PDB file of N, CA and C in Angstrom:
ATOM      1  N   MET A   1      95.584 -70.917 -20.560  1.00  0.00           N
ATOM      2  CA  MET A   1      95.289 -70.979 -19.144  1.00  0.00           C
ATOM      3  C   MET A   1      94.370 -72.191 -18.911  1.00  0.00           C
ATOM      4  N   PRO A   2      94.725 -73.062 -17.965  1.00  0.00           N
ATOM      5  CA  PRO A   2      93.880 -74.235 -17.727  1.00  0.00           C
ATOM      6  C   PRO A   2      92.522 -73.838 -17.153  1.00  0.00           C
ATOM      7  N   ARG A   3      91.518 -74.581 -17.562  1.00  0.00           N
ATOM      8  CA  ARG A   3      90.174 -74.325 -17.050  1.00  0.00           C
ATOM      9  C   ARG A   3      90.022 -75.010 -15.705  1.00  0.00           C
ATOM     10  N   ARG A   4      89.415 -74.325 -14.792  1.00  0.00           N
ATOM     11  CA  ARG A   4      89.135 -74.912 -13.477  1.00  0.00           C
ATOM     12  C   ARG A   4      87.892 -75.768 -13.572  1.00  0.00           C
ATOM     13  N   ARG A   5      87.951 -76.905 -12.940  1.00  0.00           N
ATOM     14  CA  ARG A   5      86.815 -77.810 -12.906  1.00  0.00           C
ATOM     15  C   ARG A   5      85.745 -77.229 -12.004  1.00  0.00           C
ATOM     16  N   ARG A   6      84.516 -77.240 -12.490  1.00  0.00           N
ATOM     17  CA  ARG A   6      83.394 -76.790 -11.654  1.00  0.00           C
ATOM     18  C   ARG A   6      83.129 -77.845 -10.599  1.00  0.00           C
ATOM     19  N   PRO A   7      82.942 -77.423  -9.365  1.00  0.00           N
ATOM     20  CA  PRO A   7      82.649 -78.421  -8.321  1.00  0.00           C
ATOM     21  C   PRO A   7      81.333 -79.128  -8.616  1.00  0.00           C
ATOM     22  N   THR A   8      81.329 -80.389  -8.364  1.00  0.00           N
ATOM     23  CA  THR A   8      80.098 -81.147  -8.544  1.00  0.00           C
ATOM     24  C   THR A   8      79.246 -80.987  -7.298  1.00  0.00           C
ATOM     25  N   GLU A   9      78.005 -81.425  -7.419  1.00  0.00           N
ATOM     26  CA  GLU A   9      77.107 -81.371  -6.262  1.00  0.00           C
ATOM     27  C   GLU A   9      77.685 -82.199  -5.113  1.00  0.00           C
ATOM     28  N   ARG A  10      78.282 -83.341  -5.437  1.00  0.00           N
ATOM     29  CA  ARG A  10      78.868 -84.202  -4.418  1.00  0.00           C
ATOM     30  C   ARG A  10      80.036 -83.497  -3.728  1.00  0.00           C
ATOM     31  N   ASP A  11      80.893 -82.820  -4.508  1.00  0.00           N
ATOM     32  CA  ASP A  11      82.017 -82.084  -3.924  1.00  0.00           C
ATOM     33  C   ASP A  11      81.518 -80.987  -2.993  1.00  0.00           C
ATOM     34  N   ALA A  12      80.504 -80.271  -3.430  1.00  0.00           N
ATOM     35  CA  ALA A  12      79.966 -79.169  -2.632  1.00  0.00           C
ATOM     36  C   ALA A  12      79.358 -79.693  -1.332  1.00  0.00           C
ATOM     37  N   ARG A  13      78.616 -80.786  -1.418  1.00  0.00           N
ATOM     38  CA  ARG A  13      78.010 -81.353  -0.214  1.00  0.00           C
ATOM     39  C   ARG A  13      79.095 -81.850   0.738  1.00  0.00           C
ATOM     40  N   ALA A  14      80.109 -82.512   0.216  1.00  0.00           N
ATOM     41  CA  ALA A  14      81.199 -83.007   1.058  1.00  0.00           C
ATOM     42  C   ALA A  14      81.928 -81.853   1.740  1.00  0.00           C
ATOM     43  N   GLU A  15      82.105 -80.758   1.025  1.00  0.00           N
ATOM     44  CA  GLU A  15      82.754 -79.588   1.604  1.00  0.00           C
ATOM     45  C   GLU A  15      81.906 -78.993   2.730  1.00  0.00           C
ATOM     46  N   LEU A  16      80.598 -78.897   2.515  1.00  0.00           N
ATOM     47  CA  LEU A  16      79.709 -78.394   3.568  1.00  0.00           C
ATOM     48  C   LEU A  16      79.671 -79.335   4.770  1.00  0.00           C
ATOM     49  N   GLN A  17      79.642 -80.638   4.515  1.00  0.00           N
ATOM     50  CA  GLN A  17      79.644 -81.606   5.609  1.00  0.00           C
ATOM     51  C   GLN A  17      80.907 -81.454   6.451  1.00  0.00           C
ATOM     52  N   ALA A  18      82.050 -81.369   5.795  1.00  0.00           N
ATOM     53  CA  ALA A  18      83.318 -81.233   6.511  1.00  0.00           C
ATOM     54  C   ALA A  18      83.355 -79.926   7.299  1.00  0.00           C
ATOM     55  N   TRP A  19      82.881 -78.833   6.704  1.00  0.00           N
ATOM     56  CA  TRP A  19      82.862 -77.549   7.399  1.00  0.00           C
ATOM     57  C   TRP A  19      81.978 -77.616   8.633  1.00  0.00           C
ATOM     58  N   TYR A  20      80.820 -78.221   8.497  1.00  0.00           N
ATOM     59  CA  TYR A  20      79.915 -78.314   9.634  1.00  0.00           C
ATOM     60  C   TYR A  20      80.545 -79.125  10.768  1.00  0.00           C
ATOM     61  N   LEU A  21      81.077 -80.294  10.430  1.00  0.00           N
ATOM     62  CA  LEU A  21      81.614 -81.181  11.460  1.00  0.00           C
ATOM     63  C   LEU A  21      82.888 -80.651  12.116  1.00  0.00           C
ATOM     64  N   THR A  22      83.725 -79.965  11.358  1.00  0.00           N
ATOM     65  CA  THR A  22      85.007 -79.518  11.920  1.00  0.00           C
ATOM     66  C   THR A  22      84.996 -78.086  12.432  1.00  0.00           C
ATOM     67  N   SER A  23      84.036 -77.284  12.004  1.00  0.00           N
ATOM     68  CA  SER A  23      84.046 -75.874  12.392  1.00  0.00           C
ATOM     69  C   SER A  23      82.785 -75.444  13.150  1.00  0.00           C
ATOM     70  N   LEU A  24      81.640 -75.551  12.504  1.00  0.00           N
ATOM     71  CA  LEU A  24      80.424 -75.020  13.120  1.00  0.00           C
ATOM     72  C   LEU A  24      79.930 -75.860  14.289  1.00  0.00           C
ATOM     73  N   ARG A  25      79.922 -77.181  14.135  1.00  0.00           N
ATOM     74  CA  ARG A  25      79.387 -78.039  15.201  1.00  0.00           C
ATOM     75  C   ARG A  25      80.154 -77.866  16.520  1.00  0.00           C
ATOM     76  N   PRO A  26      81.497 -77.838  16.503  1.00  0.00           N
ATOM     77  CA  PRO A  26      82.202 -77.608  17.773  1.00  0.00           C
ATOM     78  C   PRO A  26      81.868 -76.256  18.408  1.00  0.00           C
ATOM     79  N   LYS A  27      81.682 -75.244  17.592  1.00  0.00           N
ATOM     80  CA  LYS A  27      81.314 -73.925  18.121  1.00  0.00           C
ATOM     81  C   LYS A  27      79.917 -73.957  18.721  1.00  0.00           C
ATOM     82  N   LEU A  28      79.023 -74.662  18.067  1.00  0.00           N
ATOM     83  CA  LEU A  28      77.664 -74.812  18.588  1.00  0.00           C
ATOM     84  C   LEU A  28      77.687 -75.549  19.931  1.00  0.00           C
ATOM     85  N   ALA A  29      78.489 -76.592  20.020  1.00  0.00           N
ATOM     86  CA  ALA A  29      78.606 -77.345  21.271  1.00  0.00           C
ATOM     87  C   ALA A  29      79.186 -76.466  22.385  1.00  0.00           C
ATOM     88  N   ARG A  30      80.198 -75.666  22.072  1.00  0.00           N
ATOM     89  CA  ARG A  30      80.781 -74.763  23.079  1.00  0.00           C
ATOM     90  C   ARG A  30      79.757 -73.727  23.531  1.00  0.00           C
ATOM     91  N   ALA A  31      78.975 -73.213  22.609  1.00  0.00           N
ATOM     92  CA  ALA A  31      77.957 -72.220  22.959  1.00  0.00           C
ATOM     93  C   ALA A  31      76.914 -72.833  23.889  1.00  0.00           C
ATOM     94  N   ALA A  32      76.535 -74.081  23.639  1.00  0.00           N
ATOM     95  CA  ALA A  32      75.558 -74.745  24.506  1.00  0.00           C
ATOM     96  C   ALA A  32      76.159 -75.024  25.874  1.00  0.00           C
ATOM     97  N   THR A  33      77.411 -75.444  25.907  1.00  0.00           N
ATOM     98  CA  THR A  33      78.085 -75.722  27.176  1.00  0.00           C
ATOM     99  C   THR A  33      78.238 -74.451  28.015  1.00  0.00           C
ATOM    100  N   ALA A  34      78.465 -73.330  27.353  1.00  0.00           N
ATOM    101  CA  ALA A  34      78.642 -72.051  28.044  1.00  0.00           C
ATOM    102  C   ALA A  34      77.314 -71.349  28.317  1.00  0.00           C
ATOM    103  N   ASP A  35      76.203 -72.022  28.020  1.00  0.00           N
ATOM    104  CA  ASP A  35      74.863 -71.463  28.207  1.00  0.00           C
ATOM    105  C   ASP A  35      74.616 -70.188  27.411  1.00  0.00           C
ATOM    106  N   VAL A  36      75.290 -70.070  26.269  1.00  0.00           N
ATOM    107  CA  VAL A  36      75.026 -68.961  25.360  1.00  0.00           C
ATOM    108  C   VAL A  36      73.736 -69.237  24.599  1.00  0.00           C
ATOM    109  N   VAL A  37      73.521 -70.508  24.283  1.00  0.00           N
ATOM    110  CA  VAL A  37      72.261 -70.960  23.690  1.00  0.00           C
ATOM    111  C   VAL A  37      71.775 -72.142  24.511  1.00  0.00           C
ATOM    112  N   GLU A  38      70.479 -72.386  24.492  1.00  0.00           N
ATOM    113  CA  GLU A  38      69.943 -73.523  25.227  1.00  0.00           C
ATOM    114  C   GLU A  38      70.400 -74.818  24.568  1.00  0.00           C
ATOM    115  N   ALA A  39      70.723 -75.806  25.381  1.00  0.00           N
ATOM    116  CA  ALA A  39      71.201 -77.091  24.868  1.00  0.00           C
ATOM    117  C   ALA A  39      70.169 -77.721  23.930  1.00  0.00           C
ATOM    118  N   ALA A  40      68.896 -77.604  24.267  1.00  0.00           N
ATOM    119  CA  ALA A  40      67.856 -78.180  23.412  1.00  0.00           C
ATOM    120  C   ALA A  40      67.836 -77.510  22.041  1.00  0.00           C
ATOM    121  N   ALA A  41      68.055 -76.207  22.001  1.00  0.00           N
ATOM    122  CA  ALA A  41      68.084 -75.487  20.725  1.00  0.00           C
ATOM    123  C   ALA A  41      69.301 -75.907  19.901  1.00  0.00           C
ATOM    124  N   ALA A  42      70.441 -76.070  20.548  1.00  0.00           N
ATOM    125  CA  ALA A  42      71.647 -76.523  19.855  1.00  0.00           C
ATOM    126  C   ALA A  42      71.451 -77.929  19.305  1.00  0.00           C
ATOM    127  N   ASP A  43      70.847 -78.794  20.090  1.00  0.00           N
ATOM    128  CA  ASP A  43      70.591 -80.163  19.643  1.00  0.00           C
ATOM    129  C   ASP A  43      69.634 -80.190  18.447  1.00  0.00           C
ATOM    130  N   GLU A  44      68.613 -79.358  18.487  1.00  0.00           N
ATOM    131  CA  GLU A  44      67.649 -79.315  17.383  1.00  0.00           C
ATOM    132  C   GLU A  44      68.298 -78.764  16.118  1.00  0.00           C
ATOM    133  N   LEU A  45      69.117 -77.735  16.241  1.00  0.00           N
ATOM    134  CA  LEU A  45      69.815 -77.203  15.077  1.00  0.00           C
ATOM    135  C   LEU A  45      70.761 -78.257  14.506  1.00  0.00           C
ATOM    136  N   ASP A  46      71.459 -78.966  15.373  1.00  0.00           N
ATOM    137  CA  ASP A  46      72.348 -80.041  14.933  1.00  0.00           C
ATOM    138  C   ASP A  46      71.546 -81.099  14.171  1.00  0.00           C
ATOM    139  N   ARG A  47      70.395 -81.489  14.700  1.00  0.00           N
ATOM    140  CA  ARG A  47      69.562 -82.498  14.052  1.00  0.00           C
ATOM    141  C   ARG A  47      69.123 -82.035  12.670  1.00  0.00           C
ATOM    142  N   GLN A  48      68.655 -80.787  12.590  1.00  0.00           N
ATOM    143  CA  GLN A  48      68.177 -80.267  11.313  1.00  0.00           C
ATOM    144  C   GLN A  48      69.305 -80.163  10.282  1.00  0.00           C
ATOM    145  N   LEU A  49      70.470 -79.718  10.722  1.00  0.00           N
ATOM    146  CA  LEU A  49      71.590 -79.596   9.789  1.00  0.00           C
ATOM    147  C   LEU A  49      72.086 -80.964   9.332  1.00  0.00           C
ATOM    148  N   ARG A  50      72.048 -81.953  10.218  1.00  0.00           N
ATOM    149  CA  ARG A  50      72.442 -83.312   9.819  1.00  0.00           C
ATOM    150  C   ARG A  50      71.489 -83.863   8.762  1.00  0.00           C
ATOM    151  N   VAL A  51      70.200 -83.593   8.904  1.00  0.00           N
ATOM    152  CA  VAL A  51      69.232 -84.024   7.893  1.00  0.00           C
ATOM    153  C   VAL A  51      69.518 -83.290   6.579  1.00  0.00           C
ATOM    154  N   PHE A  52      69.681 -81.991   6.649  1.00  0.00           N
ATOM    155  CA  PHE A  52      69.916 -81.171   5.459  1.00  0.00           C
ATOM    156  C   PHE A  52      71.194 -81.577   4.729  1.00  0.00           C
ATOM    157  N   LEU A  53      72.260 -81.858   5.501  1.00  0.00           N
ATOM    158  CA  LEU A  53      73.557 -82.198   4.912  1.00  0.00           C
ATOM    159  C   LEU A  53      73.734 -83.696   4.688  1.00  0.00           C
ATOM    160  N   ASP A  54      72.694 -84.471   4.968  1.00  0.00           N
ATOM    161  CA  ASP A  54      72.723 -85.918   4.785  1.00  0.00           C
ATOM    162  C   ASP A  54      73.857 -86.562   5.588  1.00  0.00           C
ATOM    163  N   LEU A  55      73.946 -86.173   6.853  1.00  0.00           N
ATOM    164  CA  LEU A  55      74.932 -86.741   7.779  1.00  0.00           C
ATOM    165  C   LEU A  55      74.226 -87.723   8.700  1.00  0.00           C
ATOM    166  N   PRO A  56      74.953 -88.740   9.176  1.00  0.00           N
ATOM    167  CA  PRO A  56      74.314 -89.668  10.113  1.00  0.00           C
ATOM    168  C   PRO A  56      73.968 -88.967  11.419  1.00  0.00           C
ATOM    169  N   GLU A  57      72.857 -89.390  12.009  1.00  0.00           N
ATOM    170  CA  GLU A  57      72.476 -88.838  13.296  1.00  0.00           C
ATOM    171  C   GLU A  57      73.317 -89.480  14.371  1.00  0.00           C
ATOM    172  N   THR A  58      73.648 -88.720  15.402  1.00  0.00           N
ATOM    173  CA  THR A  58      74.430 -89.242  16.507  1.00  0.00           C
ATOM    174  C   THR A  58      73.677 -89.028  17.805  1.00  0.00           C
ATOM    175  N   ALA A  59      74.037 -89.782  18.796  1.00  0.00           N
ATOM    176  CA  ALA A  59      73.451 -89.598  20.124  1.00  0.00           C
ATOM    177  C   ALA A  59      73.978 -88.293  20.707  1.00  0.00           C
ATOM    178  N   PRO A  60      73.178 -87.620  21.530  1.00  0.00           N
ATOM    179  CA  PRO A  60      73.664 -86.406  22.183  1.00  0.00           C
ATOM    180  C   PRO A  60      74.928 -86.693  22.981  1.00  0.00           C
ATOM    181  N   GLU A  61      75.890 -85.789  22.869  1.00  0.00           N
ATOM    182  CA  GLU A  61      77.168 -85.979  23.550  1.00  0.00           C
ATOM    183  C   GLU A  61      77.152 -85.471  24.985  1.00  0.00           C
ATOM    184  N   ARG A  62      76.149 -84.666  25.317  1.00  0.00           N
ATOM    185  CA  ARG A  62      76.072 -84.130  26.660  1.00  0.00           C
ATOM    186  C   ARG A  62      75.173 -85.002  27.519  1.00  0.00           C
ATOM    187  N   ALA A  63      75.520 -85.115  28.764  1.00  0.00           N
ATOM    188  CA  ALA A  63      74.657 -85.857  29.691  1.00  0.00           C
ATOM    189  C   ALA A  63      73.509 -84.952  30.111  1.00  0.00           C
ATOM    190  N   ALA A  64      72.332 -85.510  30.194  1.00  0.00           N
ATOM    191  CA  ALA A  64      71.158 -84.712  30.574  1.00  0.00           C
ATOM    192  C   ALA A  64      71.116 -84.465  32.046  1.00  0.00           C
TER     193      ALA A  64
END
């Protein structure tokens, strides 16, 4: 039986980055748009997760 390769730290980080950008971040944006969470709280969570996941920071997509 072939041995499965253990994911490297880089693979794991890339997987988390992709999950955040394609799944969680859009849901967070929808929640802020629908006033389920405050926009400032969503923006702060986005900022913290980008730092944690080593993603580039982006300008807020919503108009103030």
